[in-house]
Amino acid sequence: MAYEQFAYLYDRLMEDMPYGEWLHFAGQCWDKYGKPRRIVDLGCGTGSMAVPLARQGFEVYGIDLSDDMLAVAQHKADEEQRRSAFAPGGSVTWLQQDMREWEIGRPADAVLSFCDCVNYLLEEEDVLSSFRSAYAGLKPGGIFVFDVHTPYQLEAYAKTQPFFLNEDDIAYIWTSDYDPSRVEIEHSLTIFVKEGAYDETGSDDALTERFHRVEELHVQRAYALDWIERALKEAGFRETEVYADFLWKRPTAETQRAFFVAVK
């Protein structure tokens, strides 16, 4: 399996992620802060958020650094439109850009960045750059909504690893190395994929008993929630709120995933 084909495994490995809960939380934000028309999805990956938003009638811009992920997202959007057209006004535009420095040429009503994308920014200045770009890309009154893994969650990964998956078509061994001084974790995944199980078309016609090995390395850093709030203010946001684990409640010491809503 060629390295670039890993993007086609992503949805299989992420199928249990709470995409429905992210979409629901975004909808609750619209109820509270006003429904947007134009949305930027930062770190859109394979379009699992962007495509459903376009289906609902939003004008969506999916931004990701990986052209392989964007190729899968485009395929997903094409398949969706073949099955049924997007709601009136719905569209999605894919852009290969860095979340620390991006632009779409027009102000957005909302910027979203879910699935802990901000944790992949490993230096404070990178986080600040991303916040400044979000602020610059929004219209006055627009909102920036994102989530992060907390320091508590990274520590929990370190304590409970290694992780394993063993299914007929795919298996992995996932180990983690935690650096408490930087609150940074390195996830090493060795993935074994049955030949022909996952390709550009999703075809399973060529299933055999041979497996390909794929190595993946992901590094994340967690930041103190009060530091993130200060960084948002430094970037220019006039109002910030932080909530815990898909709930409209303040975080606690055991919050795993924190949600920020910042208003320009």
C-alpha atoms as a PDB file:
ATOM      1  CA  MET A   1       0.000   0.000   0.000  1.00  0.00           C
ATOM      2  CA  ALA A   2       1.422   3.380  -0.998  1.00  0.00           C
ATOM      3  CA  TYR A   3       1.856   5.887   1.830  1.00  0.00           C
ATOM      4  CA  GLU A   4      -0.598   8.334   0.293  1.00  0.00           C
ATOM      5  CA  GLN A   5      -3.341   5.705   0.478  1.00  0.00           C
ATOM      6  CA  PHE A   6      -3.361   6.009   4.272  1.00  0.00           C
ATOM      7  CA  ALA A   7      -5.899   8.793   3.797  1.00  0.00           C
ATOM      8  CA  TYR A   8      -8.341   6.126   2.585  1.00  0.00           C
ATOM      9  CA  LEU A   9      -7.949   4.252   5.886  1.00  0.00           C
ATOM     10  CA  TYR A  10      -8.745   7.318   7.938  1.00  0.00           C
ATOM     11  CA  ASP A  11     -12.533   6.991   7.916  1.00  0.00           C
ATOM     12  CA  ARG A  12     -12.303   3.303   8.791  1.00  0.00           C
ATOM     13  CA  LEU A  13     -10.106   4.046  11.803  1.00  0.00           C
ATOM     14  CA  MET A  14     -12.197   7.050  12.837  1.00  0.00           C
ATOM     15  CA  GLU A  15     -15.656   5.555  12.351  1.00  0.00           C
ATOM     16  CA  ASP A  16     -16.408   5.654  16.082  1.00  0.00           C
ATOM     17  CA  MET A  17     -15.576   9.348  16.447  1.00  0.00           C
ATOM     18  CA  PRO A  18     -18.498  11.517  17.637  1.00  0.00           C
ATOM     19  CA  TYR A  19     -19.180  13.405  14.396  1.00  0.00           C
ATOM     20  CA  GLY A  20     -22.877  13.595  15.211  1.00  0.00           C
ATOM     21  CA  GLU A  21     -22.124  15.171  18.586  1.00  0.00           C
ATOM     22  CA  TRP A  22     -19.800  17.738  16.977  1.00  0.00           C
ATOM     23  CA  LEU A  23     -22.505  18.673  14.489  1.00  0.00           C
ATOM     24  CA  HIS A  24     -25.060  18.900  17.292  1.00  0.00           C
ATOM     25  CA  PHE A  25     -22.781  21.138  19.345  1.00  0.00           C
ATOM     26  CA  ALA A  26     -22.254  23.387  16.305  1.00  0.00           C
ATOM     27  CA  GLY A  27     -26.026  23.588  15.877  1.00  0.00           C
ATOM     28  CA  GLN A  28     -26.396  24.617  19.510  1.00  0.00           C
ATOM     29  CA  CYS A  29     -23.837  27.366  18.849  1.00  0.00           C
ATOM     30  CA  TRP A  30     -25.949  28.600  15.931  1.00  0.00           C
ATOM     31  CA  ASP A  31     -28.976  28.705  18.228  1.00  0.00           C
ATOM     32  CA  LYS A  32     -27.075  30.791  20.747  1.00  0.00           C
ATOM     33  CA  TYR A  33     -24.967  33.061  18.524  1.00  0.00           C
ATOM     34  CA  GLY A  34     -26.890  33.179  15.227  1.00  0.00           C
ATOM     35  CA  LYS A  35     -27.011  30.853  12.248  1.00  0.00           C
ATOM     36  CA  PRO A  36     -24.081  31.313   9.837  1.00  0.00           C
ATOM     37  CA  ARG A  37     -24.171  31.241   6.058  1.00  0.00           C
ATOM     38  CA  ARG A  38     -20.479  30.787   5.251  1.00  0.00           C
ATOM     39  CA  ILE A  39     -18.449  28.323   7.351  1.00  0.00           C
ATOM     40  CA  VAL A  40     -14.748  27.457   7.348  1.00  0.00           C
ATOM     41  CA  ASP A  41     -13.868  23.945   8.568  1.00  0.00           C
ATOM     42  CA  LEU A  42     -10.208  24.059   9.668  1.00  0.00           C
ATOM     43  CA  GLY A  43      -8.419  20.726   9.602  1.00  0.00           C
ATOM     44  CA  CYS A  44     -11.331  19.247   7.687  1.00  0.00           C
ATOM     45  CA  GLY A  45      -9.604  15.916   7.010  1.00  0.00           C
ATOM     46  CA  THR A  46     -11.779  13.715   4.804  1.00  0.00           C
ATOM     47  CA  GLY A  47     -14.773  16.029   5.030  1.00  0.00           C
ATOM     48  CA  SER A  48     -16.785  14.199   7.670  1.00  0.00           C
ATOM     49  CA  MET A  49     -17.976  17.547   9.052  1.00  0.00           C
ATOM     50  CA  ALA A  50     -17.831  19.700   5.921  1.00  0.00           C
ATOM     51  CA  VAL A  51     -19.949  17.437   3.709  1.00  0.00           C
ATOM     52  CA  PRO A  52     -22.882  17.120   6.148  1.00  0.00           C
ATOM     53  CA  LEU A  53     -22.810  20.901   6.672  1.00  0.00           C
ATOM     54  CA  ALA A  54     -22.949  21.464   2.906  1.00  0.00           C
ATOM     55  CA  ARG A  55     -25.802  18.966   2.708  1.00  0.00           C
ATOM     56  CA  GLN A  56     -27.708  21.161   5.180  1.00  0.00           C
ATOM     57  CA  GLY A  57     -27.346  24.193   2.881  1.00  0.00           C
ATOM     58  CA  PHE A  58     -24.247  25.929   4.245  1.00  0.00           C
ATOM     59  CA  GLU A  59     -21.493  27.400   2.077  1.00  0.00           C
ATOM     60  CA  VAL A  60     -18.500  25.490   3.419  1.00  0.00           C
ATOM     61  CA  TYR A  61     -14.761  25.879   2.902  1.00  0.00           C
ATOM     62  CA  GLY A  62     -12.812  22.795   3.972  1.00  0.00           C
ATOM     63  CA  ILE A  63      -9.185  23.572   4.727  1.00  0.00           C
ATOM     64  CA  ASP A  64      -6.525  20.938   5.340  1.00  0.00           C
ATOM     65  CA  LEU A  65      -2.771  20.645   4.868  1.00  0.00           C
ATOM     66  CA  SER A  66      -3.018  17.141   3.369  1.00  0.00           C
ATOM     67  CA  ASP A  67      -3.907  16.926  -0.320  1.00  0.00           C
ATOM     68  CA  ASP A  68      -4.542  13.184   0.163  1.00  0.00           C
ATOM     69  CA  MET A  69      -7.172  13.880   2.799  1.00  0.00           C
ATOM     70  CA  LEU A  70      -8.737  16.505   0.547  1.00  0.00           C
ATOM     71  CA  ALA A  71      -8.844  14.023  -2.347  1.00  0.00           C
ATOM     72  CA  VAL A  72     -10.863  11.646  -0.164  1.00  0.00           C
ATOM     73  CA  ALA A  73     -13.086  14.555   0.913  1.00  0.00           C
ATOM     74  CA  GLN A  74     -13.759  15.476  -2.713  1.00  0.00           C
ATOM     75  CA  HIS A  75     -14.644  11.866  -3.529  1.00  0.00           C
ATOM     76  CA  LYS A  76     -17.005  11.815  -0.530  1.00  0.00           C
ATOM     77  CA  ALA A  77     -18.679  15.069  -1.605  1.00  0.00           C
ATOM     78  CA  ASP A  78     -19.091  13.782  -5.177  1.00  0.00           C
ATOM     79  CA  GLU A  79     -20.689  10.568  -3.926  1.00  0.00           C
ATOM     80  CA  GLU A  80     -23.016  12.529  -1.666  1.00  0.00           C
ATOM     81  CA  GLN A  81     -24.201  14.719  -4.514  1.00  0.00           C
ATOM     82  CA  ARG A  82     -24.728  11.697  -6.745  1.00  0.00           C
ATOM     83  CA  ARG A  83     -27.056  10.230  -4.135  1.00  0.00           C
ATOM     84  CA  SER A  84     -28.919  13.475  -3.452  1.00  0.00           C
ATOM     85  CA  ALA A  85     -28.221  17.122  -4.105  1.00  0.00           C
ATOM     86  CA  PHE A  86     -27.143  19.434  -1.319  1.00  0.00           C
ATOM     87  CA  ALA A  87     -29.859  21.634   0.154  1.00  0.00           C
ATOM     88  CA  PRO A  88     -30.330  24.971  -1.689  1.00  0.00           C
ATOM     89  CA  GLY A  89     -27.259  27.150  -1.152  1.00  0.00           C
ATOM     90  CA  GLY A  90     -25.146  24.241   0.020  1.00  0.00           C
ATOM     91  CA  SER A  91     -21.646  23.911  -1.396  1.00  0.00           C
ATOM     92  CA  VAL A  92     -18.173  22.865  -0.354  1.00  0.00           C
ATOM     93  CA  THR A  93     -14.822  24.188  -1.588  1.00  0.00           C
ATOM     94  CA  TRP A  94     -11.613  22.338  -0.676  1.00  0.00           C
ATOM     95  CA  LEU A  95      -8.437  24.327  -0.033  1.00  0.00           C
ATOM     96  CA  GLN A  96      -4.990  22.957   0.772  1.00  0.00           C
ATOM     97  CA  GLN A  97      -3.740  25.473   3.325  1.00  0.00           C
ATOM     98  CA  ASP A  98      -2.078  25.617   6.735  1.00  0.00           C
ATOM     99  CA  MET A  99      -4.452  26.342   9.624  1.00  0.00           C
ATOM    100  CA  ARG A 100      -1.862  28.767  10.997  1.00  0.00           C
ATOM    101  CA  GLU A 101      -2.153  30.930   7.905  1.00  0.00           C
ATOM    102  CA  TRP A 102      -5.188  30.672   5.644  1.00  0.00           C
ATOM    103  CA  GLU A 103      -7.657  32.820   3.752  1.00  0.00           C
ATOM    104  CA  ILE A 104     -10.708  32.261   1.557  1.00  0.00           C
ATOM    105  CA  GLY A 105     -10.965  35.720   0.013  1.00  0.00           C
ATOM    106  CA  ARG A 106     -14.181  36.692   1.827  1.00  0.00           C
ATOM    107  CA  PRO A 107     -15.238  36.947   5.478  1.00  0.00           C
ATOM    108  CA  ALA A 108     -16.686  33.840   7.114  1.00  0.00           C
ATOM    109  CA  ASP A 109     -19.613  33.825   9.511  1.00  0.00           C
ATOM    110  CA  ALA A 110     -18.148  30.934  11.492  1.00  0.00           C
ATOM    111  CA  VAL A 111     -14.906  29.001  11.738  1.00  0.00           C
ATOM    112  CA  LEU A 112     -14.967  25.456  13.108  1.00  0.00           C
ATOM    113  CA  SER A 113     -12.046  23.234  14.078  1.00  0.00           C
ATOM    114  CA  PHE A 114     -13.097  19.987  15.715  1.00  0.00           C
ATOM    115  CA  CYS A 115     -11.407  16.644  16.409  1.00  0.00           C
ATOM    116  CA  ASP A 116      -8.604  18.291  18.471  1.00  0.00           C
ATOM    117  CA  CYS A 117      -6.861  19.839  15.468  1.00  0.00           C
ATOM    118  CA  VAL A 118      -5.410  22.623  17.636  1.00  0.00           C
ATOM    119  CA  ASN A 119      -3.519  20.002  19.668  1.00  0.00           C
ATOM    120  CA  TYR A 120      -1.394  19.279  16.586  1.00  0.00           C
ATOM    121  CA  LEU A 121       0.081  22.778  16.863  1.00  0.00           C
ATOM    122  CA  LEU A 122       3.137  22.074  18.981  1.00  0.00           C
ATOM    123  CA  GLU A 123       4.307  25.571  19.899  1.00  0.00           C
ATOM    124  CA  GLU A 124       2.440  28.419  21.551  1.00  0.00           C
ATOM    125  CA  GLU A 125       3.242  30.750  18.648  1.00  0.00           C
ATOM    126  CA  ASP A 126       1.667  28.252  16.225  1.00  0.00           C
ATOM    127  CA  VAL A 127      -1.536  28.302  18.263  1.00  0.00           C
ATOM    128  CA  LEU A 128      -1.512  32.098  18.348  1.00  0.00           C
ATOM    129  CA  SER A 129      -0.975  32.223  14.583  1.00  0.00           C
ATOM    130  CA  SER A 130      -3.988  29.959  14.064  1.00  0.00           C
ATOM    131  CA  PHE A 131      -6.122  32.141  16.340  1.00  0.00           C
ATOM    132  CA  ARG A 132      -5.020  35.306  14.535  1.00  0.00           C
ATOM    133  CA  SER A 133      -5.877  33.761  11.168  1.00  0.00           C
ATOM    134  CA  ALA A 134      -9.318  32.742  12.439  1.00  0.00           C
ATOM    135  CA  TYR A 135      -9.910  36.255  13.745  1.00  0.00           C
ATOM    136  CA  ALA A 136      -8.806  37.797  10.444  1.00  0.00           C
ATOM    137  CA  GLY A 137     -11.002  35.408   8.460  1.00  0.00           C
ATOM    138  CA  LEU A 138     -14.199  36.162  10.361  1.00  0.00           C
ATOM    139  CA  LYS A 139     -16.699  38.951   9.879  1.00  0.00           C
ATOM    140  CA  PRO A 140     -17.397  41.183  12.911  1.00  0.00           C
ATOM    141  CA  GLY A 141     -19.608  39.197  15.248  1.00  0.00           C
ATOM    142  CA  GLY A 142     -18.506  35.904  13.693  1.00  0.00           C
ATOM    143  CA  ILE A 143     -17.634  32.958  15.919  1.00  0.00           C
ATOM    144  CA  PHE A 144     -14.684  30.601  16.181  1.00  0.00           C
ATOM    145  CA  VAL A 145     -15.604  27.205  17.660  1.00  0.00           C
ATOM    146  CA  PHE A 146     -13.039  24.504  18.347  1.00  0.00           C
ATOM    147  CA  ASP A 147     -12.196  21.713  20.742  1.00  0.00           C
ATOM    148  CA  VAL A 148      -8.975  20.507  22.350  1.00  0.00           C
ATOM    149  CA  HIS A 149      -7.791  17.527  24.300  1.00  0.00           C
ATOM    150  CA  THR A 150      -6.963  18.654  27.814  1.00  0.00           C
ATOM    151  CA  PRO A 151      -3.765  17.855  29.729  1.00  0.00           C
ATOM    152  CA  TYR A 152      -5.873  15.383  31.724  1.00  0.00           C
ATOM    153  CA  GLN A 153      -6.761  13.497  28.515  1.00  0.00           C
ATOM    154  CA  LEU A 154      -3.154  13.220  27.319  1.00  0.00           C
ATOM    155  CA  GLU A 155      -2.127  11.895  30.723  1.00  0.00           C
ATOM    156  CA  ALA A 156      -4.972   9.364  30.511  1.00  0.00           C
ATOM    157  CA  TYR A 157      -3.709   8.159  27.113  1.00  0.00           C
ATOM    158  CA  ALA A 158      -0.243   7.673  28.576  1.00  0.00           C
ATOM    159  CA  LYS A 159      -1.573   5.715  31.564  1.00  0.00           C
ATOM    160  CA  THR A 160      -3.866   3.408  29.567  1.00  0.00           C
ATOM    161  CA  GLN A 161      -1.728   2.696  26.482  1.00  0.00           C
ATOM    162  CA  PRO A 162      -0.965   0.514  24.562  1.00  0.00           C
ATOM    163  CA  PHE A 163      -4.154   0.165  22.497  1.00  0.00           C
ATOM    164  CA  PHE A 164      -5.003  -2.631  20.083  1.00  0.00           C
ATOM    165  CA  LEU A 165      -7.450  -3.323  17.263  1.00  0.00           C
ATOM    166  CA  ASN A 166      -7.795  -6.775  15.729  1.00  0.00           C
ATOM    167  CA  GLU A 167     -10.460  -7.207  13.060  1.00  0.00           C
ATOM    168  CA  ASP A 168     -10.692  -9.286   9.894  1.00  0.00           C
ATOM    169  CA  ASP A 169      -9.631  -6.532   7.507  1.00  0.00           C
ATOM    170  CA  ILE A 170      -7.530  -4.250   9.700  1.00  0.00           C
ATOM    171  CA  ALA A 171      -5.486  -4.344  12.897  1.00  0.00           C
ATOM    172  CA  TYR A 172      -3.215  -1.979  14.745  1.00  0.00           C
ATOM    173  CA  ILE A 173      -0.858  -1.628  17.671  1.00  0.00           C
ATOM    174  CA  TRP A 174      -0.896   1.886  19.165  1.00  0.00           C
ATOM    175  CA  THR A 175       1.661   3.005  21.724  1.00  0.00           C
ATOM    176  CA  SER A 176       2.141   6.444  23.272  1.00  0.00           C
ATOM    177  CA  ASP A 177       5.154   8.262  24.686  1.00  0.00           C
ATOM    178  CA  TYR A 178       4.289  11.165  27.004  1.00  0.00           C
ATOM    179  CA  ASP A 179       6.498  14.138  27.857  1.00  0.00           C
ATOM    180  CA  PRO A 180       5.044  15.777  30.995  1.00  0.00           C
ATOM    181  CA  SER A 181       7.402  18.751  30.806  1.00  0.00           C
ATOM    182  CA  ARG A 182       5.759  19.865  27.532  1.00  0.00           C
ATOM    183  CA  VAL A 183       2.413  18.133  28.100  1.00  0.00           C
ATOM    184  CA  GLU A 184       3.083  16.494  24.734  1.00  0.00           C
ATOM    185  CA  ILE A 185       2.320  12.978  23.564  1.00  0.00           C
ATOM    186  CA  GLU A 186       3.649  10.985  20.622  1.00  0.00           C
ATOM    187  CA  HIS A 187       1.313   8.326  19.256  1.00  0.00           C
ATOM    188  CA  SER A 188       2.966   5.555  17.215  1.00  0.00           C
ATOM    189  CA  LEU A 189       0.632   3.329  15.213  1.00  0.00           C
ATOM    190  CA  THR A 190       1.587   0.186  13.340  1.00  0.00           C
ATOM    191  CA  ILE A 191      -1.377  -0.668  11.128  1.00  0.00           C
ATOM    192  CA  PHE A 192      -1.918  -3.903   9.197  1.00  0.00           C
ATOM    193  CA  VAL A 193      -4.421  -3.656   6.341  1.00  0.00           C
ATOM    194  CA  LYS A 194      -5.724  -6.553   4.252  1.00  0.00           C
ATOM    195  CA  GLU A 195      -4.708  -6.103   0.625  1.00  0.00           C
ATOM    196  CA  GLY A 196      -7.496  -4.552  -1.438  1.00  0.00           C
ATOM    197  CA  ALA A 197      -9.648  -3.742   1.583  1.00  0.00           C
ATOM    198  CA  TYR A 198      -9.230   0.025   1.263  1.00  0.00           C
ATOM    199  CA  ASP A 199      -8.364   1.872  -1.904  1.00  0.00           C
ATOM    200  CA  GLU A 200      -9.452   5.003  -3.704  1.00  0.00           C
ATOM    201  CA  THR A 201     -12.863   3.563  -4.576  1.00  0.00           C
ATOM    202  CA  GLY A 202     -13.497   1.605  -1.409  1.00  0.00           C
ATOM    203  CA  SER A 203     -13.635  -1.587  -3.527  1.00  0.00           C
ATOM    204  CA  ASP A 204     -13.250  -4.937  -1.772  1.00  0.00           C
ATOM    205  CA  ASP A 205     -13.129  -7.029  -4.937  1.00  0.00           C
ATOM    206  CA  ALA A 206      -9.457  -7.866  -4.500  1.00  0.00           C
ATOM    207  CA  LEU A 207      -9.516  -9.120  -0.916  1.00  0.00           C
ATOM    208  CA  THR A 208      -6.723 -11.590  -0.215  1.00  0.00           C
ATOM    209  CA  GLU A 209      -5.014 -12.894   2.878  1.00  0.00           C
ATOM    210  CA  ARG A 210      -1.988 -10.591   2.427  1.00  0.00           C
ATOM    211  CA  PHE A 211      -1.653  -7.626   4.762  1.00  0.00           C
ATOM    212  CA  HIS A 212       0.260  -4.402   4.225  1.00  0.00           C
ATOM    213  CA  ARG A 213       1.980  -2.644   7.096  1.00  0.00           C
ATOM    214  CA  VAL A 214       1.561   1.116   7.502  1.00  0.00           C
ATOM    215  CA  GLU A 215       3.424   3.207  10.093  1.00  0.00           C
ATOM    216  CA  GLU A 216       1.876   6.419  11.401  1.00  0.00           C
ATOM    217  CA  LEU A 217       3.213   8.940  13.923  1.00  0.00           C
ATOM    218  CA  HIS A 218       0.997  11.628  15.480  1.00  0.00           C
ATOM    219  CA  VAL A 219       2.182  14.202  17.991  1.00  0.00           C
ATOM    220  CA  GLN A 220      -0.130  16.376  20.070  1.00  0.00           C
ATOM    221  CA  ARG A 221       0.404  18.965  22.766  1.00  0.00           C
ATOM    222  CA  ALA A 222      -2.149  20.097  25.339  1.00  0.00           C
ATOM    223  CA  TYR A 223      -2.325  23.633  26.668  1.00  0.00           C
ATOM    224  CA  ALA A 224      -3.777  24.977  29.888  1.00  0.00           C
ATOM    225  CA  LEU A 225      -7.340  26.130  29.258  1.00  0.00           C
ATOM    226  CA  ASP A 226      -6.754  29.518  30.856  1.00  0.00           C
ATOM    227  CA  TRP A 227      -3.746  30.058  28.576  1.00  0.00           C
ATOM    228  CA  ILE A 228      -5.953  29.310  25.538  1.00  0.00           C
ATOM    229  CA  GLU A 229      -8.498  31.869  26.729  1.00  0.00           C
ATOM    230  CA  ARG A 230      -5.742  34.487  27.097  1.00  0.00           C
ATOM    231  CA  ALA A 231      -4.381  33.629  23.646  1.00  0.00           C
ATOM    232  CA  LEU A 232      -7.818  34.126  22.086  1.00  0.00           C
ATOM    233  CA  LYS A 233      -8.058  37.547  23.717  1.00  0.00           C
ATOM    234  CA  GLU A 234      -4.548  38.383  22.505  1.00  0.00           C
ATOM    235  CA  ALA A 235      -5.625  37.434  18.960  1.00  0.00           C
ATOM    236  CA  GLY A 236      -8.437  39.997  19.224  1.00  0.00           C
ATOM    237  CA  PHE A 237     -11.550  38.012  20.207  1.00  0.00           C
ATOM    238  CA  ARG A 238     -13.785  40.117  22.426  1.00  0.00           C
ATOM    239  CA  GLU A 239     -15.745  37.317  24.080  1.00  0.00           C
ATOM    240  CA  THR A 240     -14.659  33.773  24.911  1.00  0.00           C
ATOM    241  CA  GLU A 241     -16.371  30.871  26.622  1.00  0.00           C
ATOM    242  CA  VAL A 242     -15.113  27.358  27.415  1.00  0.00           C
ATOM    243  CA  TYR A 243     -17.244  24.263  27.959  1.00  0.00           C
ATOM    244  CA  ALA A 244     -16.652  20.620  28.801  1.00  0.00           C
ATOM    245  CA  ASP A 245     -17.172  17.380  26.875  1.00  0.00           C
ATOM    246  CA  PHE A 246     -20.046  18.453  24.554  1.00  0.00           C
ATOM    247  CA  LEU A 247     -21.902  19.982  27.509  1.00  0.00           C
ATOM    248  CA  TRP A 248     -22.654  23.639  28.163  1.00  0.00           C
ATOM    249  CA  LYS A 249     -20.898  23.402  31.511  1.00  0.00           C
ATOM    250  CA  ARG A 250     -17.588  24.765  32.744  1.00  0.00           C
ATOM    251  CA  PRO A 251     -14.655  22.335  32.594  1.00  0.00           C
ATOM    252  CA  THR A 252     -13.410  20.476  35.650  1.00  0.00           C
ATOM    253  CA  ALA A 253     -10.045  18.926  36.472  1.00  0.00           C
ATOM    254  CA  GLU A 254     -11.230  15.715  34.764  1.00  0.00           C
ATOM    255  CA  THR A 255     -12.563  17.239  31.535  1.00  0.00           C
ATOM    256  CA  GLN A 256     -11.287  15.248  28.566  1.00  0.00           C
ATOM    257  CA  ARG A 257     -12.301  17.499  25.689  1.00  0.00           C
ATOM    258  CA  ALA A 258     -12.790  21.249  26.108  1.00  0.00           C
ATOM    259  CA  PHE A 259     -14.829  23.372  23.696  1.00  0.00           C
ATOM    260  CA  PHE A 260     -14.115  27.044  23.071  1.00  0.00           C
ATOM    261  CA  VAL A 261     -16.471  29.579  21.537  1.00  0.00           C
ATOM    262  CA  ALA A 262     -14.852  32.928  20.685  1.00  0.00           C
ATOM    263  CA  VAL A 263     -16.688  35.932  19.219  1.00  0.00           C
ATOM    264  CA  LYS A 264     -14.976  38.515  17.015  1.00  0.00           C
END
